[in-house]
Amino acid sequence: MHTGPTAAEPQSSAPGRADGIPDSDAIIVEGLHRRFGDVAAVNGLSFRLPRGSLLALLGPNGAGKTTTVEICEGFTRADAGQVRVLGLDPWRQGGALRPRIGVMLQAGGAHASARTGEMLGLMARCSANPLDPAWLLDVLGLSSSARTPVRRLSGGQAQRLSLAMALVGRPEMLFLDEPTAGMDPQARHLVWDLLRAARADGVSILLTTHLLDEAELLADRIVIIDNGRSVADGTPEELTGGSSSQLRFTASPGLDLDLLRRALPLGFRVVESTPGRYLLEGDIVPATMATVTSFCARVGVMPSGLQVGARSLDEVYLELTGKELRG
């Protein structure tokens, strides 16, 4: 993505705290609390986003993601805790922070009657050192829609325009809410390439998404939250890392696991971690795989996703979140 102006050309002012001391973290959240009446939307959340990296904030609906992001953007005030974005308090120093960040809203934020090119041009004129809007439209595959009213864009086109509006001001920090929602696979890959290029150019990115493959592919670090608290924080490899003493497979829910245990050597642990997802723990050898497939044949089911070692991010996510809903 270096055929035109970059999304993260160095800013005229060096990044750092308001007192001039550089920060190694683009976002610092410590002990964050926010209540709405009797509901604790965020309940003691802490995490850090190193500069120039991409952090995916994951969690079920109602987990506190949107509230956390709005506090980091300076649109909502925290009840307690500390938040610093690019070294600044986003609530008290929002005027200094906002020219340095880009915000992509899932709802878009563009005026429905404005033409696509006009909307992006307006955003560019509001920026001190904008990217070339025509170049950005071309990169995101929107040049042919430049004169199309926003209300007539497809869902994926509207999402790409929203991303362009977030990028046009050359932000140091980018907030993305479901950036590829409604996009076809080709458009998703285009956006992923652009985000990788922005990160390589030094832009720090906070991403929320329900697409776990997207998070696993793009993120340097993942924070999973549930009920306003962090339930996991690490790199994709750290969160999904397993060992050769674990075997997972998917089949029909409710299998007779006592029958499988009797077929295995002593010492094996066998559980149905979530409906239809099974975990074996023990000395995994080729004969173990044969025993599992033989068991499935005896009970008349077809196993899939047999995997030794690492879990998928999807499995980690389901194990940690939304238990009340699934119950």
C-alpha atoms as a PDB file:
ATOM      1  CA  MET A   1       0.000   0.000   0.000  1.00  0.00           C
ATOM      2  CA  HIS A   2       2.862   2.352  -0.807  1.00  0.00           C
ATOM      3  CA  THR A   3       1.713   3.518  -4.227  1.00  0.00           C
ATOM      4  CA  GLY A   4       0.323   6.733  -2.780  1.00  0.00           C
ATOM      5  CA  PRO A   5       0.434   8.749   0.412  1.00  0.00           C
ATOM      6  CA  THR A   6       0.640   6.535   3.468  1.00  0.00           C
ATOM      7  CA  ALA A   7      -2.076   6.386   6.101  1.00  0.00           C
ATOM      8  CA  ALA A   8       0.349   7.244   8.817  1.00  0.00           C
ATOM      9  CA  GLU A   9       2.836   9.845   7.610  1.00  0.00           C
ATOM     10  CA  PRO A  10       4.763  11.159  10.633  1.00  0.00           C
ATOM     11  CA  GLN A  11       2.953  13.912  12.446  1.00  0.00           C
ATOM     12  CA  SER A  12       4.468  17.296  13.083  1.00  0.00           C
ATOM     13  CA  SER A  13       4.315  16.815  16.843  1.00  0.00           C
ATOM     14  CA  ALA A  14       6.104  13.906  18.457  1.00  0.00           C
ATOM     15  CA  PRO A  15       3.827  11.391  20.197  1.00  0.00           C
ATOM     16  CA  GLY A  16       3.904  11.416  23.957  1.00  0.00           C
ATOM     17  CA  ARG A  17       2.162  12.539  27.103  1.00  0.00           C
ATOM     18  CA  ALA A  18       0.982  16.063  27.670  1.00  0.00           C
ATOM     19  CA  ASP A  19       4.136  16.664  29.744  1.00  0.00           C
ATOM     20  CA  GLY A  20       6.321  15.749  26.776  1.00  0.00           C
ATOM     21  CA  ILE A  21       7.455  12.354  28.076  1.00  0.00           C
ATOM     22  CA  PRO A  22       7.135   9.689  25.342  1.00  0.00           C
ATOM     23  CA  ASP A  23       4.743   6.801  25.886  1.00  0.00           C
ATOM     24  CA  SER A  24       5.375   3.291  24.578  1.00  0.00           C
ATOM     25  CA  ASP A  25       1.641   2.559  24.705  1.00  0.00           C
ATOM     26  CA  ALA A  26      -0.938   4.180  22.465  1.00  0.00           C
ATOM     27  CA  ILE A  27      -3.717   3.247  24.910  1.00  0.00           C
ATOM     28  CA  ILE A  28      -3.507   2.620  28.646  1.00  0.00           C
ATOM     29  CA  VAL A  29      -6.669   1.471  30.423  1.00  0.00           C
ATOM     30  CA  GLU A  30      -6.362   0.741  34.142  1.00  0.00           C
ATOM     31  CA  GLY A  31      -9.187  -0.235  36.502  1.00  0.00           C
ATOM     32  CA  LEU A  32     -11.894   1.215  34.238  1.00  0.00           C
ATOM     33  CA  HIS A  33     -15.459   1.396  35.598  1.00  0.00           C
ATOM     34  CA  ARG A  34     -18.643   2.699  34.004  1.00  0.00           C
ATOM     35  CA  ARG A  35     -22.199   2.146  35.200  1.00  0.00           C
ATOM     36  CA  PHE A  36     -25.543   2.928  33.621  1.00  0.00           C
ATOM     37  CA  GLY A  37     -28.034   2.846  36.471  1.00  0.00           C
ATOM     38  CA  ASP A  38     -27.858  -0.607  38.049  1.00  0.00           C
ATOM     39  CA  VAL A  39     -25.853  -2.052  35.164  1.00  0.00           C
ATOM     40  CA  ALA A  40     -22.055  -2.216  35.391  1.00  0.00           C
ATOM     41  CA  ALA A  41     -21.139  -1.915  31.703  1.00  0.00           C
ATOM     42  CA  VAL A  42     -17.403  -1.878  32.465  1.00  0.00           C
ATOM     43  CA  ASN A  43     -16.196  -3.352  35.741  1.00  0.00           C
ATOM     44  CA  GLY A  44     -12.497  -2.953  36.481  1.00  0.00           C
ATOM     45  CA  LEU A  45     -11.144  -3.418  32.959  1.00  0.00           C
ATOM     46  CA  SER A  46      -7.417  -3.014  32.271  1.00  0.00           C
ATOM     47  CA  PHE A  47      -5.369  -3.430  29.090  1.00  0.00           C
ATOM     48  CA  ARG A  48      -2.648  -1.727  27.045  1.00  0.00           C
ATOM     49  CA  LEU A  49      -2.179  -1.193  23.322  1.00  0.00           C
ATOM     50  CA  PRO A  50       1.492  -0.746  22.319  1.00  0.00           C
ATOM     51  CA  ARG A  51       2.152   1.919  19.705  1.00  0.00           C
ATOM     52  CA  GLY A  52       2.120   0.736  16.118  1.00  0.00           C
ATOM     53  CA  SER A  53       0.229  -2.474  16.877  1.00  0.00           C
ATOM     54  CA  LEU A  54      -3.314  -3.749  16.395  1.00  0.00           C
ATOM     55  CA  LEU A  55      -5.389  -4.887  19.360  1.00  0.00           C
ATOM     56  CA  ALA A  56      -8.693  -6.720  18.870  1.00  0.00           C
ATOM     57  CA  LEU A  57     -11.259  -6.179  21.627  1.00  0.00           C
ATOM     58  CA  LEU A  58     -13.638  -9.144  21.570  1.00  0.00           C
ATOM     59  CA  GLY A  59     -16.714 -10.064  23.547  1.00  0.00           C
ATOM     60  CA  PRO A  60     -20.424 -10.860  23.210  1.00  0.00           C
ATOM     61  CA  ASN A  61     -23.028  -8.147  22.826  1.00  0.00           C
ATOM     62  CA  GLY A  62     -23.374  -6.306  26.126  1.00  0.00           C
ATOM     63  CA  ALA A  63     -19.885  -7.233  27.312  1.00  0.00           C
ATOM     64  CA  GLY A  64     -18.773  -3.585  27.506  1.00  0.00           C
ATOM     65  CA  LYS A  65     -16.818  -3.210  24.261  1.00  0.00           C
ATOM     66  CA  THR A  66     -18.702  -0.208  22.889  1.00  0.00           C
ATOM     67  CA  THR A  67     -18.649   1.645  26.212  1.00  0.00           C
ATOM     68  CA  THR A  68     -14.909   1.027  26.572  1.00  0.00           C
ATOM     69  CA  VAL A  69     -14.193   2.285  23.052  1.00  0.00           C
ATOM     70  CA  GLU A  70     -16.405   5.364  23.535  1.00  0.00           C
ATOM     71  CA  ILE A  71     -14.484   6.213  26.714  1.00  0.00           C
ATOM     72  CA  CYS A  72     -11.176   5.851  24.837  1.00  0.00           C
ATOM     73  CA  GLU A  73     -12.508   8.105  22.077  1.00  0.00           C
ATOM     74  CA  GLY A  74     -13.571  10.741  24.613  1.00  0.00           C
ATOM     75  CA  PHE A  75     -17.308  10.472  23.917  1.00  0.00           C
ATOM     76  CA  THR A  76     -18.195   8.928  27.296  1.00  0.00           C
ATOM     77  CA  ARG A  77     -16.827   9.708  30.744  1.00  0.00           C
ATOM     78  CA  ALA A  78     -15.480   6.965  33.008  1.00  0.00           C
ATOM     79  CA  ASP A  79     -16.807   6.627  36.545  1.00  0.00           C
ATOM     80  CA  ALA A  80     -13.443   5.426  37.866  1.00  0.00           C
ATOM     81  CA  GLY A  81     -10.063   4.260  36.630  1.00  0.00           C
ATOM     82  CA  GLN A  82      -7.498   5.774  34.287  1.00  0.00           C
ATOM     83  CA  VAL A  83      -7.542   6.022  30.497  1.00  0.00           C
ATOM     84  CA  ARG A  84      -4.779   7.528  28.388  1.00  0.00           C
ATOM     85  CA  VAL A  85      -4.822   7.637  24.584  1.00  0.00           C
ATOM     86  CA  LEU A  86      -1.631   8.892  22.913  1.00  0.00           C
ATOM     87  CA  GLY A  87      -0.641  10.154  26.355  1.00  0.00           C
ATOM     88  CA  LEU A  88      -3.798  12.268  26.780  1.00  0.00           C
ATOM     89  CA  ASP A  89      -6.926  11.997  28.917  1.00  0.00           C
ATOM     90  CA  PRO A  90      -9.603  11.545  26.220  1.00  0.00           C
ATOM     91  CA  TRP A  91     -12.342  13.196  28.295  1.00  0.00           C
ATOM     92  CA  ARG A  92     -10.438  16.211  29.637  1.00  0.00           C
ATOM     93  CA  GLN A  93      -8.124  16.685  26.649  1.00  0.00           C
ATOM     94  CA  GLY A  94     -10.453  15.675  23.843  1.00  0.00           C
ATOM     95  CA  GLY A  95      -9.756  18.838  21.849  1.00  0.00           C
ATOM     96  CA  ALA A  96      -6.068  17.955  21.635  1.00  0.00           C
ATOM     97  CA  LEU A  97      -6.687  14.267  21.023  1.00  0.00           C
ATOM     98  CA  ARG A  98      -9.343  14.232  18.298  1.00  0.00           C
ATOM     99  CA  PRO A  99      -7.168  15.625  15.472  1.00  0.00           C
ATOM    100  CA  ARG A 100      -4.793  12.709  16.113  1.00  0.00           C
ATOM    101  CA  ILE A 101      -7.328   9.868  15.960  1.00  0.00           C
ATOM    102  CA  GLY A 102      -9.594   8.344  13.314  1.00  0.00           C
ATOM    103  CA  VAL A 103     -12.922   6.781  14.229  1.00  0.00           C
ATOM    104  CA  MET A 104     -14.797   4.315  12.042  1.00  0.00           C
ATOM    105  CA  LEU A 105     -18.393   3.862  13.132  1.00  0.00           C
ATOM    106  CA  GLN A 106     -20.374   0.787  12.108  1.00  0.00           C
ATOM    107  CA  ALA A 107     -23.335   3.105  11.414  1.00  0.00           C
ATOM    108  CA  GLY A 108     -21.129   5.034   8.986  1.00  0.00           C
ATOM    109  CA  GLY A 109     -21.462   8.655  10.117  1.00  0.00           C
ATOM    110  CA  ALA A 110     -21.849  10.015   6.574  1.00  0.00           C
ATOM    111  CA  HIS A 111     -24.748  12.267   5.553  1.00  0.00           C
ATOM    112  CA  ALA A 112     -27.202  10.141   3.543  1.00  0.00           C
ATOM    113  CA  SER A 113     -27.816  12.751   0.814  1.00  0.00           C
ATOM    114  CA  ALA A 114     -24.144  13.664   0.279  1.00  0.00           C
ATOM    115  CA  ARG A 115     -22.233  12.141  -2.617  1.00  0.00           C
ATOM    116  CA  THR A 116     -19.464   9.711  -1.697  1.00  0.00           C
ATOM    117  CA  GLY A 117     -16.628  11.880  -3.025  1.00  0.00           C
ATOM    118  CA  GLU A 118     -18.104  15.039  -1.505  1.00  0.00           C
ATOM    119  CA  MET A 119     -18.352  13.417   1.923  1.00  0.00           C
ATOM    120  CA  LEU A 120     -14.738  12.277   1.900  1.00  0.00           C
ATOM    121  CA  GLY A 121     -13.616  15.657   0.534  1.00  0.00           C
ATOM    122  CA  LEU A 122     -15.387  17.414   3.394  1.00  0.00           C
ATOM    123  CA  MET A 123     -13.585  15.214   5.923  1.00  0.00           C
ATOM    124  CA  ALA A 124     -10.285  15.977   4.189  1.00  0.00           C
ATOM    125  CA  ARG A 125     -10.894  19.745   4.410  1.00  0.00           C
ATOM    126  CA  CYS A 126     -11.418  19.363   8.162  1.00  0.00           C
ATOM    127  CA  SER A 127      -7.927  17.851   8.529  1.00  0.00           C
ATOM    128  CA  ALA A 128      -4.638  19.718   8.795  1.00  0.00           C
ATOM    129  CA  ASN A 129      -2.647  17.325   6.578  1.00  0.00           C
ATOM    130  CA  PRO A 130      -5.084  14.996   4.794  1.00  0.00           C
ATOM    131  CA  LEU A 131      -4.488  12.167   2.418  1.00  0.00           C
ATOM    132  CA  ASP A 132      -5.557  12.728  -1.183  1.00  0.00           C
ATOM    133  CA  PRO A 133      -9.290  11.782  -1.161  1.00  0.00           C
ATOM    134  CA  ALA A 134      -9.167  10.634  -4.819  1.00  0.00           C
ATOM    135  CA  TRP A 135      -6.267   8.292  -4.038  1.00  0.00           C
ATOM    136  CA  LEU A 136      -8.059   6.891  -1.007  1.00  0.00           C
ATOM    137  CA  LEU A 137     -11.265   6.317  -2.986  1.00  0.00           C
ATOM    138  CA  ASP A 138      -9.229   4.449  -5.594  1.00  0.00           C
ATOM    139  CA  VAL A 139      -7.417   2.305  -2.993  1.00  0.00           C
ATOM    140  CA  LEU A 140     -10.757   1.303  -1.437  1.00  0.00           C
ATOM    141  CA  GLY A 141     -12.448   0.595  -4.750  1.00  0.00           C
ATOM    142  CA  LEU A 142     -14.863   3.523  -4.499  1.00  0.00           C
ATOM    143  CA  SER A 143     -13.777   5.704  -7.436  1.00  0.00           C
ATOM    144  CA  SER A 144     -16.696   4.568  -9.589  1.00  0.00           C
ATOM    145  CA  SER A 145     -19.070   5.506  -6.752  1.00  0.00           C
ATOM    146  CA  ALA A 146     -17.625   8.974  -6.124  1.00  0.00           C
ATOM    147  CA  ARG A 147     -20.786  10.698  -7.405  1.00  0.00           C
ATOM    148  CA  THR A 148     -23.191   8.187  -5.852  1.00  0.00           C
ATOM    149  CA  PRO A 149     -25.268   9.477  -2.899  1.00  0.00           C
ATOM    150  CA  VAL A 150     -24.311   7.759   0.338  1.00  0.00           C
ATOM    151  CA  ARG A 151     -27.836   6.412   0.794  1.00  0.00           C
ATOM    152  CA  ARG A 152     -27.462   4.409  -2.440  1.00  0.00           C
ATOM    153  CA  LEU A 153     -24.224   2.681  -1.483  1.00  0.00           C
ATOM    154  CA  SER A 154     -24.302  -1.018  -0.673  1.00  0.00           C
ATOM    155  CA  GLY A 155     -23.545  -2.055   2.883  1.00  0.00           C
ATOM    156  CA  GLY A 156     -19.977  -2.977   1.997  1.00  0.00           C
ATOM    157  CA  GLN A 157     -19.418   0.261   0.071  1.00  0.00           C
ATOM    158  CA  ALA A 158     -20.748   2.303   3.000  1.00  0.00           C
ATOM    159  CA  GLN A 159     -18.318   0.487   5.303  1.00  0.00           C
ATOM    160  CA  ARG A 160     -15.402   1.268   2.991  1.00  0.00           C
ATOM    161  CA  LEU A 161     -16.420   4.931   2.885  1.00  0.00           C
ATOM    162  CA  SER A 162     -16.545   4.967   6.684  1.00  0.00           C
ATOM    163  CA  LEU A 163     -13.020   3.538   6.783  1.00  0.00           C
ATOM    164  CA  ALA A 164     -11.852   6.143   4.263  1.00  0.00           C
ATOM    165  CA  MET A 165     -13.326   8.907   6.448  1.00  0.00           C
ATOM    166  CA  ALA A 166     -11.420   7.536   9.441  1.00  0.00           C
ATOM    167  CA  LEU A 167      -8.135   7.350   7.507  1.00  0.00           C
ATOM    168  CA  VAL A 168      -8.195  10.574   5.488  1.00  0.00           C
ATOM    169  CA  GLY A 169      -6.843  12.739   8.325  1.00  0.00           C
ATOM    170  CA  ARG A 170      -3.668  10.593   8.733  1.00  0.00           C
ATOM    171  CA  PRO A 171      -4.487   9.437  12.287  1.00  0.00           C
ATOM    172  CA  GLU A 172      -1.907   8.182  14.745  1.00  0.00           C
ATOM    173  CA  MET A 173      -4.615   6.094  16.415  1.00  0.00           C
ATOM    174  CA  LEU A 174      -7.461   4.343  14.603  1.00  0.00           C
ATOM    175  CA  PHE A 175     -10.669   3.028  16.209  1.00  0.00           C
ATOM    176  CA  LEU A 176     -12.546   0.481  14.094  1.00  0.00           C
ATOM    177  CA  ASP A 177     -16.009  -0.893  14.893  1.00  0.00           C
ATOM    178  CA  GLU A 178     -16.825  -4.020  12.838  1.00  0.00           C
ATOM    179  CA  PRO A 179     -14.791  -2.695   9.871  1.00  0.00           C
ATOM    180  CA  THR A 180     -15.682  -5.448   7.387  1.00  0.00           C
ATOM    181  CA  ALA A 181     -19.345  -6.002   8.310  1.00  0.00           C
ATOM    182  CA  GLY A 182     -21.415  -6.499   5.156  1.00  0.00           C
ATOM    183  CA  MET A 183     -18.399  -6.823   2.858  1.00  0.00           C
ATOM    184  CA  ASP A 184     -17.822  -9.578   0.337  1.00  0.00           C
ATOM    185  CA  PRO A 185     -14.594 -11.634   0.656  1.00  0.00           C
ATOM    186  CA  GLN A 186     -12.713  -9.551  -1.947  1.00  0.00           C
ATOM    187  CA  ALA A 187     -13.518  -6.286  -0.145  1.00  0.00           C
ATOM    188  CA  ARG A 188     -12.616  -7.820   3.228  1.00  0.00           C
ATOM    189  CA  HIS A 189      -9.157  -8.776   1.962  1.00  0.00           C
ATOM    190  CA  LEU A 190      -8.693  -5.302   0.490  1.00  0.00           C
ATOM    191  CA  VAL A 191      -9.477  -3.722   3.870  1.00  0.00           C
ATOM    192  CA  TRP A 192      -7.205  -6.181   5.677  1.00  0.00           C
ATOM    193  CA  ASP A 193      -4.328  -5.235   3.368  1.00  0.00           C
ATOM    194  CA  LEU A 194      -4.958  -1.543   4.033  1.00  0.00           C
ATOM    195  CA  LEU A 195      -4.985  -2.089   7.800  1.00  0.00           C
ATOM    196  CA  ARG A 196      -1.735  -4.046   7.616  1.00  0.00           C
ATOM    197  CA  ALA A 197      -0.170  -1.199   5.623  1.00  0.00           C
ATOM    198  CA  ALA A 198      -1.420   1.392   8.125  1.00  0.00           C
ATOM    199  CA  ARG A 199       0.010  -0.608  11.025  1.00  0.00           C
ATOM    200  CA  ALA A 200       3.327  -1.006   9.194  1.00  0.00           C
ATOM    201  CA  ASP A 201       3.390   2.789   8.807  1.00  0.00           C
ATOM    202  CA  GLY A 202       3.078   3.193  12.591  1.00  0.00           C
ATOM    203  CA  VAL A 203      -0.671   3.627  13.083  1.00  0.00           C
ATOM    204  CA  SER A 204      -2.001   2.099  16.317  1.00  0.00           C
ATOM    205  CA  ILE A 205      -5.336   0.313  15.826  1.00  0.00           C
ATOM    206  CA  LEU A 206      -8.089  -0.750  18.234  1.00  0.00           C
ATOM    207  CA  LEU A 207     -10.498  -3.113  16.490  1.00  0.00           C
ATOM    208  CA  THR A 208     -13.814  -4.579  17.634  1.00  0.00           C
ATOM    209  CA  THR A 209     -15.228  -7.433  15.595  1.00  0.00           C
ATOM    210  CA  HIS A 210     -17.408 -10.514  15.888  1.00  0.00           C
ATOM    211  CA  LEU A 211     -15.386 -12.186  13.107  1.00  0.00           C
ATOM    212  CA  LEU A 212     -12.911 -14.258  15.079  1.00  0.00           C
ATOM    213  CA  ASP A 213     -10.940 -15.276  11.995  1.00  0.00           C
ATOM    214  CA  GLU A 214     -10.437 -11.568  11.282  1.00  0.00           C
ATOM    215  CA  ALA A 215      -9.146 -10.949  14.816  1.00  0.00           C
ATOM    216  CA  GLU A 216      -6.837 -13.963  14.718  1.00  0.00           C
ATOM    217  CA  LEU A 217      -5.453 -12.936  11.330  1.00  0.00           C
ATOM    218  CA  LEU A 218      -4.858  -9.230  12.023  1.00  0.00           C
ATOM    219  CA  ALA A 219      -4.285  -8.728  15.737  1.00  0.00           C
ATOM    220  CA  ASP A 220      -0.949  -8.483  17.479  1.00  0.00           C
ATOM    221  CA  ARG A 221      -2.845  -8.827  20.741  1.00  0.00           C
ATOM    222  CA  ILE A 222      -6.384  -9.872  21.698  1.00  0.00           C
ATOM    223  CA  VAL A 223      -8.387  -8.882  24.768  1.00  0.00           C
ATOM    224  CA  ILE A 224     -11.586 -10.852  25.403  1.00  0.00           C
ATOM    225  CA  ILE A 225     -14.078  -9.235  27.767  1.00  0.00           C
ATOM    226  CA  ASP A 226     -17.283 -10.509  29.325  1.00  0.00           C
ATOM    227  CA  ASN A 227     -19.562  -8.749  31.801  1.00  0.00           C
ATOM    228  CA  GLY A 228     -17.287  -5.710  31.727  1.00  0.00           C
ATOM    229  CA  ARG A 229     -14.159  -7.618  32.777  1.00  0.00           C
ATOM    230  CA  SER A 230     -11.156  -8.982  30.919  1.00  0.00           C
ATOM    231  CA  VAL A 231     -11.282 -12.781  30.781  1.00  0.00           C
ATOM    232  CA  ALA A 232      -8.270 -13.238  28.468  1.00  0.00           C
ATOM    233  CA  ASP A 233      -5.412 -11.052  27.244  1.00  0.00           C
ATOM    234  CA  GLY A 234      -2.570 -12.185  25.003  1.00  0.00           C
ATOM    235  CA  THR A 235      -1.283 -12.745  21.509  1.00  0.00           C
ATOM    236  CA  PRO A 236      -3.338 -15.045  19.259  1.00  0.00           C
ATOM    237  CA  GLU A 237      -0.670 -17.719  19.746  1.00  0.00           C
ATOM    238  CA  GLU A 238      -0.769 -17.369  23.540  1.00  0.00           C
ATOM    239  CA  LEU A 239      -4.567 -17.629  23.661  1.00  0.00           C
ATOM    240  CA  THR A 240      -4.840 -20.621  21.334  1.00  0.00           C
ATOM    241  CA  GLY A 241      -1.683 -22.449  22.390  1.00  0.00           C
ATOM    242  CA  GLY A 242      -2.210 -26.040  23.401  1.00  0.00           C
ATOM    243  CA  SER A 243      -0.104 -29.124  23.800  1.00  0.00           C
ATOM    244  CA  SER A 244       0.163 -32.566  22.220  1.00  0.00           C
ATOM    245  CA  SER A 245      -1.696 -33.930  25.242  1.00  0.00           C
ATOM    246  CA  GLN A 246      -4.975 -32.505  23.896  1.00  0.00           C
ATOM    247  CA  LEU A 247      -7.220 -33.701  21.069  1.00  0.00           C
ATOM    248  CA  ARG A 248     -10.359 -31.905  19.933  1.00  0.00           C
ATOM    249  CA  PHE A 249     -13.114 -32.864  17.556  1.00  0.00           C
ATOM    250  CA  THR A 250     -16.626 -31.815  16.606  1.00  0.00           C
ATOM    251  CA  ALA A 251     -19.618 -34.128  16.279  1.00  0.00           C
ATOM    252  CA  SER A 252     -23.264 -34.366  17.258  1.00  0.00           C
ATOM    253  CA  PRO A 253     -23.930 -33.030  20.775  1.00  0.00           C
ATOM    254  CA  GLY A 254     -24.652 -35.366  23.664  1.00  0.00           C
ATOM    255  CA  LEU A 255     -22.457 -38.339  22.740  1.00  0.00           C
ATOM    256  CA  ASP A 256     -22.080 -41.143  25.302  1.00  0.00           C
ATOM    257  CA  LEU A 257     -18.645 -40.195  26.608  1.00  0.00           C
ATOM    258  CA  ASP A 258     -18.581 -43.066  29.115  1.00  0.00           C
ATOM    259  CA  LEU A 259     -18.433 -45.411  26.132  1.00  0.00           C
ATOM    260  CA  LEU A 260     -15.471 -43.472  24.716  1.00  0.00           C
ATOM    261  CA  ARG A 261     -13.683 -43.407  28.085  1.00  0.00           C
ATOM    262  CA  ARG A 262     -13.948 -47.210  28.352  1.00  0.00           C
ATOM    263  CA  ALA A 263     -12.318 -47.529  24.934  1.00  0.00           C
ATOM    264  CA  LEU A 264      -9.374 -45.317  25.914  1.00  0.00           C
ATOM    265  CA  PRO A 265      -6.447 -46.198  28.209  1.00  0.00           C
ATOM    266  CA  LEU A 266      -6.754 -45.227  31.861  1.00  0.00           C
ATOM    267  CA  GLY A 267      -5.992 -41.611  32.747  1.00  0.00           C
ATOM    268  CA  PHE A 268      -7.770 -39.886  29.859  1.00  0.00           C
ATOM    269  CA  ARG A 269     -10.073 -36.947  30.537  1.00  0.00           C
ATOM    270  CA  VAL A 270     -12.970 -36.613  28.093  1.00  0.00           C
ATOM    271  CA  VAL A 271     -15.429 -33.702  28.192  1.00  0.00           C
ATOM    272  CA  GLU A 272     -17.961 -31.970  25.954  1.00  0.00           C
ATOM    273  CA  SER A 273     -16.609 -28.418  26.366  1.00  0.00           C
ATOM    274  CA  THR A 274     -19.551 -26.830  24.508  1.00  0.00           C
ATOM    275  CA  PRO A 275     -22.427 -28.615  22.739  1.00  0.00           C
ATOM    276  CA  GLY A 276     -20.929 -30.694  19.954  1.00  0.00           C
ATOM    277  CA  ARG A 277     -17.302 -29.828  20.794  1.00  0.00           C
ATOM    278  CA  TYR A 278     -15.252 -32.536  22.521  1.00  0.00           C
ATOM    279  CA  LEU A 279     -11.883 -32.445  24.290  1.00  0.00           C
ATOM    280  CA  LEU A 280      -9.624 -35.361  25.181  1.00  0.00           C
ATOM    281  CA  GLU A 281      -6.641 -34.875  27.489  1.00  0.00           C
ATOM    282  CA  GLY A 282      -4.026 -37.567  27.936  1.00  0.00           C
ATOM    283  CA  ASP A 283      -1.173 -39.224  26.049  1.00  0.00           C
ATOM    284  CA  ILE A 284      -2.233 -38.476  22.461  1.00  0.00           C
ATOM    285  CA  VAL A 285      -0.711 -41.016  20.038  1.00  0.00           C
ATOM    286  CA  PRO A 286      -1.880 -42.268  16.597  1.00  0.00           C
ATOM    287  CA  ALA A 287      -3.867 -45.042  18.292  1.00  0.00           C
ATOM    288  CA  THR A 288      -5.868 -42.381  20.157  1.00  0.00           C
ATOM    289  CA  MET A 289      -7.073 -40.883  16.879  1.00  0.00           C
ATOM    290  CA  ALA A 290      -8.043 -44.347  15.684  1.00  0.00           C
ATOM    291  CA  THR A 291      -9.986 -44.977  18.895  1.00  0.00           C
ATOM    292  CA  VAL A 292     -11.937 -41.733  18.492  1.00  0.00           C
ATOM    293  CA  THR A 293     -12.872 -42.419  14.873  1.00  0.00           C
ATOM    294  CA  SER A 294     -13.812 -46.002  15.726  1.00  0.00           C
ATOM    295  CA  PHE A 295     -16.020 -44.793  18.567  1.00  0.00           C
ATOM    296  CA  CYS A 296     -17.758 -42.295  16.268  1.00  0.00           C
ATOM    297  CA  ALA A 297     -18.362 -45.063  13.719  1.00  0.00           C
ATOM    298  CA  ARG A 298     -19.914 -47.282  16.429  1.00  0.00           C
ATOM    299  CA  VAL A 299     -22.378 -44.552  17.464  1.00  0.00           C
ATOM    300  CA  GLY A 300     -23.113 -43.554  13.873  1.00  0.00           C
ATOM    301  CA  VAL A 301     -21.731 -39.994  13.797  1.00  0.00           C
ATOM    302  CA  MET A 302     -19.186 -38.322  11.534  1.00  0.00           C
ATOM    303  CA  PRO A 303     -16.437 -36.458  13.458  1.00  0.00           C
ATOM    304  CA  SER A 304     -14.899 -33.308  12.005  1.00  0.00           C
ATOM    305  CA  GLY A 305     -12.196 -30.835  12.924  1.00  0.00           C
ATOM    306  CA  LEU A 306      -9.958 -33.422  14.605  1.00  0.00           C
ATOM    307  CA  GLN A 307      -7.102 -31.356  15.978  1.00  0.00           C
ATOM    308  CA  VAL A 308      -4.149 -32.166  18.188  1.00  0.00           C
ATOM    309  CA  GLY A 309      -2.612 -29.334  20.194  1.00  0.00           C
ATOM    310  CA  ALA A 310      -3.686 -25.732  19.726  1.00  0.00           C
ATOM    311  CA  ARG A 311      -7.272 -24.616  20.152  1.00  0.00           C
ATOM    312  CA  SER A 312      -8.969 -22.291  17.700  1.00  0.00           C
ATOM    313  CA  LEU A 313      -9.767 -18.767  18.817  1.00  0.00           C
ATOM    314  CA  ASP A 314     -13.427 -19.680  18.346  1.00  0.00           C
ATOM    315  CA  GLU A 315     -13.088 -22.439  20.968  1.00  0.00           C
ATOM    316  CA  VAL A 316     -11.293 -20.141  23.407  1.00  0.00           C
ATOM    317  CA  TYR A 317     -13.954 -17.469  22.936  1.00  0.00           C
ATOM    318  CA  LEU A 318     -16.855 -19.861  23.502  1.00  0.00           C
ATOM    319  CA  GLU A 319     -15.220 -21.336  26.603  1.00  0.00           C
ATOM    320  CA  LEU A 320     -14.756 -17.891  28.174  1.00  0.00           C
ATOM    321  CA  THR A 321     -17.813 -15.844  27.216  1.00  0.00           C
ATOM    322  CA  GLY A 322     -21.584 -15.832  27.001  1.00  0.00           C
ATOM    323  CA  LYS A 323     -22.202 -18.784  29.339  1.00  0.00           C
ATOM    324  CA  GLU A 324     -25.440 -17.272  30.634  1.00  0.00           C
ATOM    325  CA  LEU A 325     -26.806 -16.923  27.090  1.00  0.00           C
ATOM    326  CA  ARG A 326     -25.819 -20.469  26.067  1.00  0.00           C
ATOM    327  CA  GLY A 327     -27.214 -21.854  29.296  1.00  0.00           C
END
